[in-house]
Amino acid sequence: MKHTNKSLSFILLAALLMLSFISCRNKGRVVEPKYDNAHATLQQSTHNFGTLSFSQHEVDHEFTLINDGGEKLEITNVVNHCHCTYVDYDHAPIKPGHATTLKVYLDVDDLSTGSFIRDIDVETNGGTVRIMLEGQKE
């Protein structure tokens, strides 16, 4: 009986250590990689700011860029098609299955009155993704 309890304790300890190792290995992972190479996907690609007033000089929104590929993803270029937008992001490579935040700023003062749509292209070694900002300025 004494050996059985020790054996059971050893098996439980080993299982706990293995579970701990697996959870540490996947720490921070958002998705399981679907592709062999790096691959860029946006969790959400469009944001509607609604109606903006002239008193809101700058607004922002965060987008999540996911690497659902099997190699590190690197942002190589961000193309703002309007000088009214700016993107702030971590320049470190994104591990397979992980994500990073892209904080997009919109300068309301540079917008004309009426409806607007602004595009931003995020170029990576795993493809280009497009962010669309829309809304209306009073």
Protein backbone atom coordinates (compact mmCIF):
# COMPACT_ATOMS: atom_id res chain seq x y z
CA MET A 1 0.00 0.00 0.00
CA LYS A 2 2.87 2.33 0.83
CA HIS A 3 4.43 1.86 -2.65
CA THR A 4 1.06 2.43 -4.31
CA ASN A 5 0.64 5.83 -2.64
CA LYS A 6 4.18 6.85 -3.62
CA SER A 7 3.59 5.66 -7.19
CA LEU A 8 0.29 7.52 -7.39
CA SER A 9 1.90 10.66 -5.95
CA PHE A 10 4.72 10.41 -8.49
CA ILE A 11 2.27 9.99 -11.39
CA LEU A 12 0.19 12.96 -10.24
CA LEU A 13 3.31 15.11 -9.83
CA ALA A 14 4.55 14.14 -13.29
CA ALA A 15 1.14 14.92 -14.82
CA LEU A 16 1.05 18.30 -13.07
CA LEU A 17 4.54 19.18 -14.31
CA MET A 18 3.66 18.16 -17.87
CA LEU A 19 0.46 20.23 -17.79
CA SER A 20 2.40 23.19 -16.46
CA PHE A 21 5.00 22.84 -19.23
CA ILE A 22 2.34 22.70 -21.95
CA SER A 23 0.50 25.76 -20.63
CA CYS A 24 3.76 27.76 -20.45
CA ARG A 25 4.70 26.76 -23.98
CA ASN A 26 1.41 28.13 -25.36
CA LYS A 27 1.40 31.25 -23.17
CA GLY A 28 0.04 34.24 -25.02
CA ARG A 29 -1.15 32.22 -28.00
CA VAL A 30 -4.36 33.57 -29.50
CA VAL A 31 -4.96 31.01 -32.27
CA GLU A 32 -3.54 27.79 -33.58
CA PRO A 33 -1.52 28.49 -36.75
CA LYS A 34 -3.42 27.55 -39.94
CA TYR A 35 -0.62 28.17 -42.44
CA ASP A 36 3.00 27.01 -42.74
CA ASN A 37 4.39 30.50 -43.41
CA ALA A 38 3.67 33.76 -41.63
CA HIS A 39 0.11 34.94 -42.31
CA ALA A 40 -1.56 38.21 -41.29
CA THR A 41 -5.21 38.40 -40.26
CA LEU A 42 -7.14 41.22 -38.61
CA GLN A 43 -9.58 40.31 -35.88
CA GLN A 44 -11.68 43.27 -37.07
CA SER A 45 -10.85 45.26 -40.20
CA THR A 46 -13.42 48.10 -40.09
CA HIS A 47 -14.34 50.64 -37.46
CA ASN A 48 -17.14 53.18 -37.65
CA PHE A 49 -16.47 56.21 -35.47
CA GLY A 50 -20.06 57.39 -35.88
CA THR A 51 -20.64 61.15 -35.88
CA LEU A 52 -17.61 63.19 -34.89
CA SER A 53 -17.78 66.85 -33.87
CA PHE A 54 -15.23 69.56 -34.57
CA SER A 55 -14.36 69.59 -30.85
CA GLN A 56 -12.95 66.02 -31.09
CA HIS A 57 -9.53 66.86 -32.47
CA GLU A 58 -8.28 63.28 -32.49
CA VAL A 59 -9.91 59.88 -32.02
CA ASP A 60 -8.38 56.42 -31.93
CA HIS A 61 -9.28 52.77 -32.15
CA GLU A 62 -7.30 49.57 -31.53
CA PHE A 63 -7.16 46.72 -34.03
CA THR A 64 -5.75 43.26 -33.35
CA LEU A 65 -3.32 41.85 -35.94
CA ILE A 66 -3.03 38.06 -35.62
CA ASN A 67 -0.28 35.83 -36.98
CA ASP A 68 -2.19 32.66 -37.84
CA GLY A 69 0.81 31.26 -39.66
CA GLY A 70 3.65 29.00 -38.57
CA GLU A 71 6.55 31.50 -38.85
CA LYS A 72 7.21 34.91 -37.27
CA LEU A 73 5.20 37.78 -38.80
CA GLU A 74 6.86 41.13 -39.38
CA ILE A 75 5.18 44.40 -40.29
CA THR A 76 7.26 45.77 -43.17
CA ASN A 77 5.32 48.95 -43.97
CA VAL A 78 2.18 50.86 -43.05
CA VAL A 79 0.59 52.86 -45.86
CA ASN A 80 -1.65 55.67 -44.64
CA HIS A 81 -3.67 56.78 -47.69
CA CYS A 82 -4.53 60.02 -45.90
CA HIS A 83 -2.29 62.29 -43.85
CA CYS A 84 -5.14 62.34 -41.30
CA THR A 85 -4.28 58.82 -40.04
CA TYR A 86 -1.39 57.41 -38.05
CA VAL A 87 -0.71 53.87 -36.77
CA ASP A 88 1.28 53.09 -33.63
CA TYR A 89 2.42 49.48 -33.09
CA ASP A 90 5.12 47.30 -31.55
CA HIS A 91 7.81 46.70 -34.18
CA ALA A 92 8.84 43.32 -32.72
CA PRO A 93 8.05 40.22 -34.82
CA ILE A 94 4.81 38.45 -33.90
CA LYS A 95 5.23 34.79 -32.94
CA PRO A 96 3.13 32.11 -34.64
CA GLY A 97 -0.36 32.04 -33.14
CA HIS A 98 0.15 35.36 -31.32
CA ALA A 99 -1.20 38.85 -31.90
CA THR A 100 -0.26 42.50 -31.54
CA THR A 101 -2.26 45.69 -31.18
CA LEU A 102 -2.34 48.36 -33.86
CA LYS A 103 -3.51 51.68 -32.41
CA VAL A 104 -4.93 53.82 -35.19
CA TYR A 105 -5.29 57.57 -34.74
CA LEU A 106 -7.56 59.77 -36.84
CA ASP A 107 -7.01 63.55 -36.94
CA VAL A 108 -10.57 64.89 -37.01
CA ASP A 109 -9.38 68.42 -37.77
CA ASP A 110 -8.08 67.22 -41.17
CA LEU A 111 -11.45 65.79 -42.21
CA SER A 112 -13.98 67.64 -44.34
CA THR A 113 -17.58 67.89 -43.16
CA GLY A 114 -19.73 64.91 -44.18
CA SER A 115 -19.18 61.16 -44.54
CA PHE A 116 -15.68 59.76 -44.72
CA ILE A 117 -13.92 56.46 -45.41
CA ARG A 118 -10.17 56.15 -44.89
CA ASP A 119 -8.02 53.11 -45.70
CA ILE A 120 -4.75 51.99 -44.16
CA ASP A 121 -2.72 49.11 -45.61
CA VAL A 122 -0.54 47.11 -43.23
CA GLU A 123 2.10 45.28 -45.27
CA THR A 124 3.75 42.22 -43.71
CA ASN A 125 5.90 39.29 -44.75
CA GLY A 126 2.65 37.30 -44.53
CA GLY A 127 0.50 39.46 -46.81
CA THR A 128 -1.19 42.85 -46.71
CA VAL A 129 -4.28 43.58 -44.63
CA ARG A 130 -6.49 46.67 -44.99
CA ILE A 131 -8.02 48.69 -42.18
CA MET A 132 -11.05 50.83 -43.00
CA LEU A 133 -12.16 53.78 -40.89
CA GLU A 134 -15.51 55.37 -41.51
CA GLY A 135 -17.89 57.84 -39.99
CA GLN A 136 -19.27 61.31 -40.37
CA LYS A 137 -17.95 64.72 -39.34
CA GLU A 138 -20.41 67.42 -38.33
